[in-house]
Every structure is written in C-alpha cells, then in structure tokens.
Amino acid sequence: MTATAPRPTLEAVAERAGVSRATVSRVVNGAQGVRESLAERVRRAVEELGYVPNQAARSLVTRRHQAVAVVAAEPETRVFADPYFAQQLRGISKELTAHDNQLVLLLTEGREDHARVGRYLAGGHVDGALVFSLHLHDPLPGLVRGAGLPTVFGGRPDWDDGGDDVVYVDSDNRGGARAAVRHLAGLGRDRIAHITGPLDQTSAADRLAGFRDVRAPGAGPEPVAHGDFTSHGGERAMRELLDRCPGLDAVFAANDLTAAGALRVLRERGRRVPDDVAVVGFDDMLPVAEQTDPPLTTVRQDIEGMGRLMARLLLRGLDDGAAGDAGTSRGAGTTWDAGTAWDAGATRGAETARAVGTIEGVAAIDGVGAAGGGAPAATTSGVILPTTLIRRATT
C-alpha cells in the first residue's frame, strides 16, 4: 500500500518563499499590508507545493466560511423541472465560484422544511443567504431576520408585517407586461385575455397590474384566468378562458411555461396561432420559447443576470462588512446601509427601468441586463433590471 504524502504546511510555504509564517497567513487569507513582491513569492510557493488552506483555521482568522445559502421557497419537484430556476442558479453559481465561495442549496416546501432551514441558517454554517421565489406570508424573511444573516432577495419583496428595508434584485415585470399587451393591441387585437401566475408572488401580481394598465377601462368582464407558472396550469386556464370567452383573439401568459400549455390547448381546440389567437409569454426561456409550435413571442428578462447580480451584491456587502467591521445585518437581512449602497441620484421604481443606477463605487450592471437593452434602475434598497419584448411567430 502506497503511503500518502504529507500535506504541505504553512511553515513549508514560508520556507519556500523565504518569508515569515505570519506573512504567508496574511496573503493566504487575503489580508492587506503585504508588499506585492512578497505576496507574489508566497502565491508562487503555494502553487509549487500544492498548499491548500485549512478552511476551519482560515474561518477563525477571516470570520468567513466562504459559503452562501441559496434558499428557494419551492419544492424540489418545481425547482428541478422549471428552467427558470436552472438559469437563476447558474448565474448565482458562476458569481460565487468566481469568488471562491460554495453554494449551499436549501429548498422549502412545508413547515418542517422551514424549521430545518431556519436551524441551518442560524447555525453559523454560511456567511449570507440569497432567497428567491417568495410567496405572500412566507416565513422565510422572518427566519433570515432571526438568524441575523446578510441577505439579498430575488424579486421585489412585499412584506405584510411592516418590515424594514431589504436588498433585492428584480425585473420590470409591470413594464414588461404593458409592452406585451400594447404589442397585441397594436396588431389590432381587441379581445386580449391574461393567464396569471400565482398571485401570492409579486412578479405575477405586477404582470397582472401591467395587463390592467393597458386594457381599456369599461371593456366588459375581465378576461383573466388564474395559473401557477406551470404548463399544466396554462392548459387548465386556457380551457377556462375559451369556455368563458370563445371570441378572444389574443392571450398574454404570465410566463413561457404557461404560454406553452396554452398553445397546446389552442391547437386541440382548432384555433390557429397567430391567425385566430395571438400569444405572448414572459421570460424568454430559450428551451421553451424557441421550441414551442410556433416559436413564442415573449418578454425577455435576464434571469441568469439576476442571479449573478444577487450574488455580487451579497459578496460586496460581506466584503464591506469585513473591511469596516460593519457587516451586521440591519432589518430583514440588509448588510449595509441601503441609503449609501446606491447612488443618491438614482431614480426609483419599475417605471424607471432604463435609468442608470449604480452601486456605490461599482458598476451596477457589468453586462448584467444588457440583453434587455438598458441599464438597471436603482431604488433605495434594490435593483430593477430592464425587460424587452422578443417577437416570434406566435404574434
């Protein structure tokens, strides 16, 4: 049996580099105050010896675990089946990996899951949390607040408890919905229906509000059916709409999966798309939008970019806290003073999705949201990424 070679030690690195053990420790742990020439010698010795820092010892020095909890308020059957979550997780993972942080995925479905996640977050295993897909009355914000963890939320929060400011990243859901309905109206469609998402989520509620913004007042009974962001929900809602409103000539679906389900039902009922009924979705998830029959006109949001920006904001807050010993959470997981985190001149709200918003000292976007054709808007505590209508064969 071959003996395992001993792991290189901090002392071995110091000897190879010709510096003190303390200098090696400062370089390995990212501390300041080491001349670049010495730091380069240490890094070269680390690479030559294959030295791997002891994470437990490193955590004692840096007070960081280099791990971030990613909490999705959905069951695993939904998270692993919906390409939306895959795109958002990909963005988060890319950003965390680029900064040598581990992603710890936590999913919640029922009360027992919430208790388990709450214990984990309070147990000191991670440096912060990224939380998305929240529903109204979800206990997760309270659990995060109780754990005292720096947190960034995916989606505009809508606390029902009068909670404090939070840091969040969202898309211009209401503006994107208005663009979709105006496009349909511009094609001469005047009997436009809407299939919602789950209205206990702000994204779905905002898209319904955008639909209502454009629909002419006094146009008769509202042609709205409730969905759940799934293709099965889209099928069910489309059947309901055709039974209630057989003369409808356009449908705005709250997401692409919903639109895909609606298209199947329209085909079953002998309705030609777009000749008889035009259809617009929301998300521009390419595995869905380009593979529907016909390919789907949809509102594009930068899902992967949203994940990247969430992670970037959290890591920036953690770094600022470490540098200034000001990383304690404020309110519902805010990791820095929201009043100084954003450029004071930035405009507020979804209506300003093309305004230039900057995170203090750092470009707010770095390419994120560029597919949407504009810069993000910064509010006092969040960023709203732009959305863009992508026209394909369903209109």
Protein backbone atom coordinates (compact mmCIF):
# COMPACT_ATOMS: atom_id res chain seq x y z
CA MET A 1 0.00 0.00 0.00
CA THR A 2 1.45 3.37 -1.05
CA ALA A 3 1.91 5.86 1.78
CA THR A 4 0.05 9.16 1.37
CA ALA A 5 2.40 12.14 1.08
CA PRO A 6 2.01 14.64 3.94
CA ARG A 7 0.04 17.77 3.16
CA PRO A 8 2.17 20.90 2.69
CA THR A 9 2.05 23.15 5.74
CA LEU A 10 2.04 26.90 6.21
CA GLU A 11 5.59 26.61 7.51
CA ALA A 12 6.69 24.79 4.34
CA VAL A 13 5.25 27.58 2.20
CA ALA A 14 7.01 30.20 4.35
CA GLU A 15 10.34 28.37 3.97
CA ARG A 16 9.94 28.02 0.20
CA ALA A 17 9.01 31.71 -0.20
CA GLY A 18 11.64 32.94 2.24
CA VAL A 19 9.16 34.86 4.36
CA SER A 20 7.64 34.54 7.81
CA ARG A 21 4.71 32.28 8.64
CA ALA A 22 2.67 35.41 9.51
CA THR A 23 3.27 36.86 6.03
CA VAL A 24 2.07 33.63 4.41
CA SER A 25 -1.04 33.68 6.61
CA ARG A 26 -1.88 37.25 5.61
CA VAL A 27 -1.51 36.50 1.89
CA VAL A 28 -3.49 33.25 2.04
CA ASN A 29 -6.30 34.92 3.96
CA GLY A 30 -6.47 37.95 1.67
CA ALA A 31 -5.30 40.48 4.26
CA GLN A 32 -3.80 43.81 3.26
CA GLY A 33 -0.35 45.20 4.07
CA VAL A 34 1.95 42.76 2.26
CA ARG A 35 4.26 44.14 -0.44
CA GLU A 36 3.29 42.84 -3.87
CA SER A 37 6.73 41.32 -4.46
CA LEU A 38 6.46 39.26 -1.26
CA ALA A 39 2.83 38.34 -1.98
CA GLU A 40 3.83 37.06 -5.41
CA ARG A 41 6.56 34.88 -3.88
CA VAL A 42 4.02 33.42 -1.46
CA ARG A 43 1.50 32.72 -4.22
CA ARG A 44 4.20 31.03 -6.31
CA ALA A 45 5.24 28.84 -3.35
CA VAL A 46 1.61 27.92 -2.68
CA GLU A 47 1.21 26.80 -6.29
CA GLU A 48 4.50 24.87 -6.40
CA LEU A 49 3.79 22.98 -3.19
CA GLY A 50 0.08 22.48 -3.83
CA TYR A 51 -0.77 24.01 -0.48
CA VAL A 52 -4.48 24.03 0.41
CA PRO A 53 -5.51 26.26 3.34
CA ASN A 54 -7.29 24.61 6.24
CA GLN A 55 -10.78 26.08 5.97
CA ALA A 56 -11.54 25.73 9.67
CA ALA A 57 -8.39 27.60 10.63
CA ARG A 58 -9.00 30.15 7.89
CA SER A 59 -12.50 30.82 9.20
CA LEU A 60 -11.09 31.65 12.63
CA VAL A 61 -8.95 34.35 11.03
CA THR A 62 -11.35 35.75 8.43
CA ARG A 63 -14.66 35.02 10.21
CA ARG A 64 -15.85 33.81 6.82
CA HIS A 65 -16.94 30.32 5.77
CA GLN A 66 -16.73 31.06 2.03
CA ALA A 67 -20.21 29.54 1.73
CA VAL A 68 -23.57 31.12 0.81
CA ALA A 69 -27.01 29.61 1.32
CA VAL A 70 -29.31 29.80 -1.71
CA VAL A 71 -32.87 29.37 -0.48
CA ALA A 72 -35.71 28.69 -2.93
CA ALA A 73 -39.21 28.79 -1.47
CA GLU A 74 -40.37 25.97 -3.74
CA PRO A 75 -40.47 22.14 -3.61
CA GLU A 76 -37.67 20.26 -5.34
CA THR A 77 -40.08 18.92 -7.98
CA ARG A 78 -40.65 22.51 -9.13
CA VAL A 79 -37.06 23.74 -8.85
CA PHE A 80 -35.55 20.89 -10.85
CA ALA A 81 -38.28 20.86 -13.52
CA ASP A 82 -38.55 24.58 -14.29
CA PRO A 83 -35.76 26.05 -16.48
CA TYR A 84 -36.26 29.43 -14.82
CA PHE A 85 -34.64 28.15 -11.64
CA ALA A 86 -31.83 26.47 -13.58
CA GLN A 87 -30.95 29.80 -15.23
CA GLN A 88 -31.05 31.75 -11.98
CA LEU A 89 -28.98 29.16 -10.13
CA ARG A 90 -26.47 29.14 -12.97
CA GLY A 91 -25.96 32.89 -12.60
CA ILE A 92 -25.58 32.62 -8.83
CA SER A 93 -23.17 29.70 -9.12
CA LYS A 94 -20.96 31.48 -11.67
CA GLU A 95 -20.59 34.54 -9.46
CA LEU A 96 -19.95 32.59 -6.26
CA THR A 97 -17.44 30.30 -7.97
CA ALA A 98 -15.56 33.28 -9.39
CA HIS A 99 -15.07 34.50 -5.81
CA ASP A 100 -14.18 31.07 -4.35
CA ASN A 101 -17.48 30.65 -2.50
CA GLN A 102 -19.54 27.49 -2.16
CA LEU A 103 -23.26 27.36 -2.99
CA VAL A 104 -25.45 25.55 -0.45
CA LEU A 105 -28.92 24.92 -1.92
CA LEU A 106 -31.85 24.82 0.51
CA LEU A 107 -35.44 24.13 -0.62
CA THR A 108 -38.63 24.63 1.37
CA GLU A 109 -42.00 23.01 0.84
CA GLY A 110 -43.70 22.74 4.22
CA ARG A 111 -43.46 23.68 7.89
CA GLU A 112 -40.83 21.03 8.66
CA ASP A 113 -38.62 22.35 5.85
CA HIS A 114 -38.89 25.89 7.17
CA ALA A 115 -37.86 24.74 10.64
CA ARG A 116 -34.88 22.82 9.21
CA VAL A 117 -33.75 25.75 7.07
CA GLY A 118 -34.15 28.15 9.99
CA ARG A 119 -31.94 25.98 12.20
CA TYR A 120 -29.31 25.73 9.47
CA LEU A 121 -29.23 29.47 8.78
CA ALA A 122 -28.93 30.24 12.50
CA GLY A 123 -26.19 27.63 12.97
CA GLY A 124 -23.30 29.68 11.65
CA HIS A 125 -22.61 27.48 8.61
CA VAL A 126 -22.79 30.19 5.93
CA ASP A 127 -21.81 33.84 5.53
CA GLY A 128 -25.06 35.02 3.97
CA ALA A 129 -28.18 34.00 2.08
CA LEU A 130 -29.77 34.53 -1.33
CA VAL A 131 -33.54 33.98 -1.14
CA PHE A 132 -35.97 33.86 -4.07
CA SER A 133 -39.42 32.72 -5.19
CA LEU A 134 -41.05 34.01 -2.02
CA HIS A 135 -44.81 33.76 -1.55
CA LEU A 136 -47.08 36.03 0.48
CA HIS A 137 -46.99 35.18 4.21
CA ASP A 138 -43.84 33.10 3.67
CA PRO A 139 -41.98 32.68 7.00
CA LEU A 140 -38.55 32.75 5.31
CA PRO A 141 -37.93 36.51 5.73
CA GLY A 142 -38.59 36.15 9.44
CA LEU A 143 -36.27 33.15 9.67
CA VAL A 144 -33.49 35.03 7.91
CA ARG A 145 -34.05 38.06 10.13
CA GLY A 146 -33.88 35.83 13.19
CA ALA A 147 -30.64 34.26 12.01
CA GLY A 148 -29.05 37.70 11.59
CA LEU A 149 -27.65 36.78 8.18
CA PRO A 150 -26.75 39.29 5.46
CA THR A 151 -29.29 38.58 2.71
CA VAL A 152 -30.25 39.59 -0.81
CA PHE A 153 -33.70 38.70 -2.13
CA GLY A 154 -34.65 37.75 -5.67
CA GLY A 155 -37.85 39.60 -6.55
CA ARG A 156 -39.45 42.72 -5.13
CA PRO A 157 -40.48 41.90 -1.56
CA ASP A 158 -43.94 42.68 -0.28
CA TRP A 159 -43.75 42.23 3.44
CA ASP A 160 -47.07 42.15 5.23
CA ASP A 161 -45.51 42.83 8.63
CA GLY A 162 -44.22 46.36 8.10
CA GLY A 163 -40.67 45.00 7.88
CA ASP A 164 -37.57 47.06 7.30
CA ASP A 165 -35.86 47.79 4.01
CA VAL A 166 -34.30 44.85 2.24
CA VAL A 167 -31.78 44.49 -0.56
CA TYR A 168 -33.29 42.87 -3.64
CA VAL A 169 -32.92 42.33 -7.39
CA ASP A 170 -35.98 42.18 -9.65
CA SER A 171 -37.09 42.66 -13.26
CA ASP A 172 -39.51 45.27 -14.58
CA ASN A 173 -42.46 42.88 -14.51
CA ARG A 174 -45.16 45.53 -14.79
CA GLY A 175 -43.44 47.41 -17.61
CA GLY A 176 -42.79 44.17 -19.49
CA ALA A 177 -46.45 43.19 -19.20
CA ARG A 178 -47.54 46.57 -20.54
CA ALA A 179 -45.20 46.14 -23.51
CA ALA A 180 -46.69 42.72 -24.26
CA VAL A 181 -50.31 43.89 -24.16
CA ARG A 182 -49.57 47.06 -26.15
CA HIS A 183 -47.90 44.91 -28.80
CA LEU A 184 -51.02 42.75 -29.07
CA ALA A 185 -53.27 45.81 -29.20
CA GLY A 186 -51.03 47.30 -31.88
CA LEU A 187 -51.70 44.22 -34.02
CA GLY A 188 -55.40 45.07 -33.92
CA ARG A 189 -56.33 42.53 -31.24
CA ASP A 190 -59.14 43.85 -29.08
CA ARG A 191 -60.21 40.79 -27.08
CA ILE A 192 -56.99 40.16 -25.14
CA ALA A 193 -57.04 37.70 -22.23
CA HIS A 194 -54.50 37.11 -19.49
CA ILE A 195 -53.38 33.92 -17.71
CA THR A 196 -51.79 34.93 -14.40
CA GLY A 197 -49.10 33.33 -12.32
CA PRO A 198 -49.63 32.62 -8.61
CA LEU A 199 -50.84 35.94 -7.28
CA ASP A 200 -49.19 35.42 -3.89
CA GLN A 201 -45.93 36.30 -5.68
CA THR A 202 -45.12 39.92 -6.56
CA SER A 203 -43.89 39.05 -10.07
CA ALA A 204 -47.28 37.59 -11.02
CA ALA A 205 -49.19 40.40 -9.31
CA ASP A 206 -47.09 43.01 -11.14
CA ARG A 207 -47.69 41.33 -14.52
CA LEU A 208 -51.44 41.32 -13.88
CA ALA A 209 -51.22 45.01 -12.96
CA GLY A 210 -49.39 45.70 -16.25
CA PHE A 211 -52.14 43.92 -18.17
CA ARG A 212 -54.76 46.04 -16.43
CA ASP A 213 -52.79 49.24 -17.09
CA VAL A 214 -53.23 48.81 -20.85
CA ARG A 215 -56.68 47.23 -21.06
CA ALA A 216 -59.29 49.85 -21.88
CA PRO A 217 -61.49 50.76 -18.89
CA GLY A 218 -65.10 49.69 -19.20
CA ALA A 219 -64.24 46.99 -21.74
CA GLY A 220 -66.58 44.45 -20.13
CA PRO A 221 -65.88 41.45 -17.89
CA GLU A 222 -62.16 40.99 -17.29
CA PRO A 223 -60.85 38.02 -19.33
CA VAL A 224 -58.43 36.72 -16.70
CA ALA A 225 -57.81 33.11 -15.63
CA HIS A 226 -55.50 32.12 -12.79
CA GLY A 227 -52.45 29.96 -13.45
CA ASP A 228 -49.45 28.84 -11.43
CA PHE A 229 -46.40 29.37 -13.71
CA THR A 230 -46.60 25.75 -14.94
CA SER A 231 -47.60 24.33 -18.32
CA HIS A 232 -50.40 22.30 -16.71
CA GLY A 233 -51.72 25.49 -15.13
CA GLY A 234 -51.58 27.15 -18.55
CA GLU A 235 -53.61 24.34 -20.11
CA ARG A 236 -56.24 24.50 -17.40
CA ALA A 237 -56.54 28.29 -17.58
CA MET A 238 -56.69 28.31 -21.41
CA ARG A 239 -59.59 25.86 -21.41
CA GLU A 240 -61.38 28.04 -18.88
CA LEU A 241 -60.84 31.17 -20.98
CA LEU A 242 -62.07 29.54 -24.20
CA ASP A 243 -65.20 28.31 -22.42
CA ARG A 244 -65.88 31.78 -20.95
CA CYS A 245 -64.63 33.96 -23.81
CA PRO A 246 -64.85 31.97 -27.05
CA GLY A 247 -64.25 35.11 -29.13
CA LEU A 248 -60.87 36.02 -27.60
CA ASP A 249 -58.21 36.84 -30.19
CA ALA A 250 -55.06 37.19 -28.05
CA VAL A 251 -53.54 35.84 -24.82
CA PHE A 252 -50.82 37.30 -22.64
CA ALA A 253 -49.45 34.45 -20.48
CA ALA A 254 -47.60 35.23 -17.26
CA ASN A 255 -44.61 33.08 -18.21
CA ASP A 256 -43.33 30.88 -21.02
CA LEU A 257 -44.35 27.58 -19.46
CA THR A 258 -47.89 28.91 -19.07
CA ALA A 259 -47.85 30.03 -22.72
CA ALA A 260 -46.63 26.58 -23.84
CA GLY A 261 -49.60 24.96 -22.09
CA ALA A 262 -51.99 27.50 -23.62
CA LEU A 263 -50.63 26.78 -27.12
CA ARG A 264 -51.33 23.06 -26.72
CA VAL A 265 -54.96 23.73 -25.80
CA LEU A 266 -55.43 26.21 -28.64
CA ARG A 267 -54.20 23.57 -31.07
CA GLU A 268 -56.53 20.97 -29.53
CA ARG A 269 -59.46 23.37 -29.97
CA GLY A 270 -58.60 24.06 -33.61
CA ARG A 271 -57.50 27.68 -33.07
CA ARG A 272 -54.70 28.79 -35.39
CA VAL A 273 -51.82 30.74 -33.85
CA PRO A 274 -51.37 33.59 -34.61
CA ASP A 275 -54.14 33.80 -37.25
CA ASP A 276 -57.01 33.23 -34.82
CA VAL A 277 -55.30 33.83 -31.48
CA ALA A 278 -52.00 35.65 -30.92
CA VAL A 279 -49.94 34.61 -27.86
CA VAL A 280 -47.23 36.36 -25.83
CA GLY A 281 -45.33 34.83 -22.91
CA PHE A 282 -42.86 36.19 -20.35
CA ASP A 283 -39.24 35.20 -19.50
CA ASP A 284 -37.73 34.23 -22.88
CA MET A 285 -36.50 30.90 -21.57
CA LEU A 286 -34.95 29.60 -24.78
CA PRO A 287 -35.54 25.88 -24.02
CA VAL A 288 -39.25 26.77 -24.02
CA ALA A 289 -39.74 29.85 -26.22
CA GLU A 290 -37.82 28.56 -29.25
CA GLN A 291 -39.28 25.06 -29.09
CA THR A 292 -42.98 25.81 -28.88
CA ASP A 293 -45.00 25.34 -32.07
CA PRO A 294 -44.88 28.03 -33.38
CA PRO A 295 -41.91 29.74 -31.60
CA LEU A 296 -43.11 32.07 -28.87
CA THR A 297 -43.19 35.86 -28.80
CA THR A 298 -42.22 36.70 -25.24
CA VAL A 299 -40.88 39.33 -22.84
CA ARG A 300 -37.20 38.76 -22.12
CA GLN A 301 -35.81 39.22 -18.65
CA ASP A 302 -32.17 38.49 -17.81
CA ILE A 303 -32.74 35.57 -15.44
CA GLU A 304 -29.13 34.44 -15.23
CA GLY A 305 -28.02 38.05 -14.85
CA MET A 306 -30.44 38.49 -11.97
CA GLY A 307 -28.78 35.58 -10.17
CA ARG A 308 -25.31 36.96 -10.84
CA LEU A 309 -26.26 40.39 -9.54
CA MET A 310 -27.85 38.95 -6.39
CA ALA A 311 -24.62 37.11 -5.58
CA ARG A 312 -22.49 40.15 -6.46
CA LEU A 313 -24.47 42.39 -4.12
CA LEU A 314 -24.25 39.92 -1.26
CA LEU A 315 -20.50 39.37 -1.65
CA ARG A 316 -19.93 43.12 -1.87
CA GLY A 317 -21.88 43.63 1.33
CA LEU A 318 -19.88 40.90 3.06
CA ASP A 319 -16.57 42.40 1.88
CA ASP A 320 -17.61 45.87 3.01
CA GLY A 321 -18.63 44.48 6.37
CA ALA A 322 -15.31 42.67 6.77
CA ALA A 323 -13.33 45.77 5.81
CA GLY A 324 -15.21 48.13 8.10
CA ASP A 325 -16.49 45.70 10.73
CA ALA A 326 -19.97 46.88 9.71
CA GLY A 327 -21.37 43.65 8.35
CA THR A 328 -24.07 43.12 10.92
CA SER A 329 -27.47 42.71 9.34
CA ARG A 330 -29.97 45.52 9.52
CA GLY A 331 -33.67 44.82 9.41
CA ALA A 332 -34.60 41.88 7.18
CA GLY A 333 -31.08 40.88 6.28
CA THR A 334 -29.78 44.22 4.93
CA THR A 335 -25.99 44.00 5.02
CA TRP A 336 -25.22 47.68 4.60
CA ASP A 337 -26.99 50.98 4.89
CA ALA A 338 -29.36 50.97 1.93
CA GLY A 339 -29.19 54.74 1.84
CA THR A 340 -25.48 54.65 0.94
CA ALA A 341 -25.40 51.43 -1.08
CA TRP A 342 -26.97 53.14 -4.08
CA ASP A 343 -26.06 56.25 -5.96
CA ALA A 344 -28.05 59.03 -4.33
CA GLY A 345 -29.09 60.34 -7.71
CA ALA A 346 -30.64 57.08 -8.88
CA THR A 347 -34.31 57.12 -9.70
CA ARG A 348 -36.88 54.88 -8.08
CA GLY A 349 -39.27 52.21 -9.25
CA ALA A 350 -40.18 49.99 -12.18
CA GLU A 351 -41.19 52.99 -14.25
CA THR A 352 -37.50 53.98 -14.49
CA ALA A 353 -36.11 50.64 -15.64
CA ARG A 354 -33.88 52.32 -18.21
CA ALA A 355 -32.39 54.85 -15.83
CA VAL A 356 -28.74 54.44 -14.87
CA GLY A 357 -28.44 53.03 -11.35
CA THR A 358 -25.02 52.38 -9.82
CA ILE A 359 -23.90 50.53 -6.76
CA GLU A 360 -21.58 52.82 -4.87
CA GLY A 361 -18.16 52.62 -6.48
CA VAL A 362 -19.06 49.66 -8.67
CA ALA A 363 -20.91 49.45 -12.00
CA ALA A 364 -24.34 48.12 -11.18
CA ILE A 365 -24.54 46.03 -14.24
CA ASP A 366 -21.13 44.88 -15.61
CA GLY A 367 -23.02 43.44 -18.57
CA VAL A 368 -25.94 42.15 -16.50
CA GLY A 369 -29.20 43.09 -18.14
CA ALA A 370 -27.54 44.14 -21.37
CA ALA A 371 -29.79 41.73 -23.25
CA GLY A 372 -32.70 43.86 -22.11
CA GLY A 373 -31.35 46.87 -23.94
CA GLY A 374 -30.90 49.21 -20.99
CA ALA A 375 -29.34 49.84 -17.63
CA PRO A 376 -30.99 48.84 -14.36
CA ALA A 377 -32.86 51.24 -12.13
CA ALA A 378 -31.71 51.52 -8.53
CA THR A 379 -34.15 52.14 -5.70
CA THR A 380 -33.02 52.88 -2.15
CA SER A 381 -32.67 49.14 -1.49
CA GLY A 382 -32.89 47.27 -4.77
CA VAL A 383 -32.14 46.99 -8.46
CA ILE A 384 -34.76 46.53 -11.18
CA LEU A 385 -33.44 45.04 -14.41
CA PRO A 386 -35.00 46.03 -17.76
CA THR A 387 -37.17 43.78 -19.91
CA THR A 388 -37.57 43.64 -23.69
CA LEU A 389 -40.22 42.19 -26.00
CA ILE A 390 -38.88 39.48 -28.35
CA ARG A 391 -41.12 38.92 -31.38
CA ARG A 392 -41.53 35.44 -32.83
CA ALA A 393 -44.19 33.51 -34.74
CA THR A 394 -47.00 33.46 -32.16
CA THR A 395 -47.82 37.10 -32.98
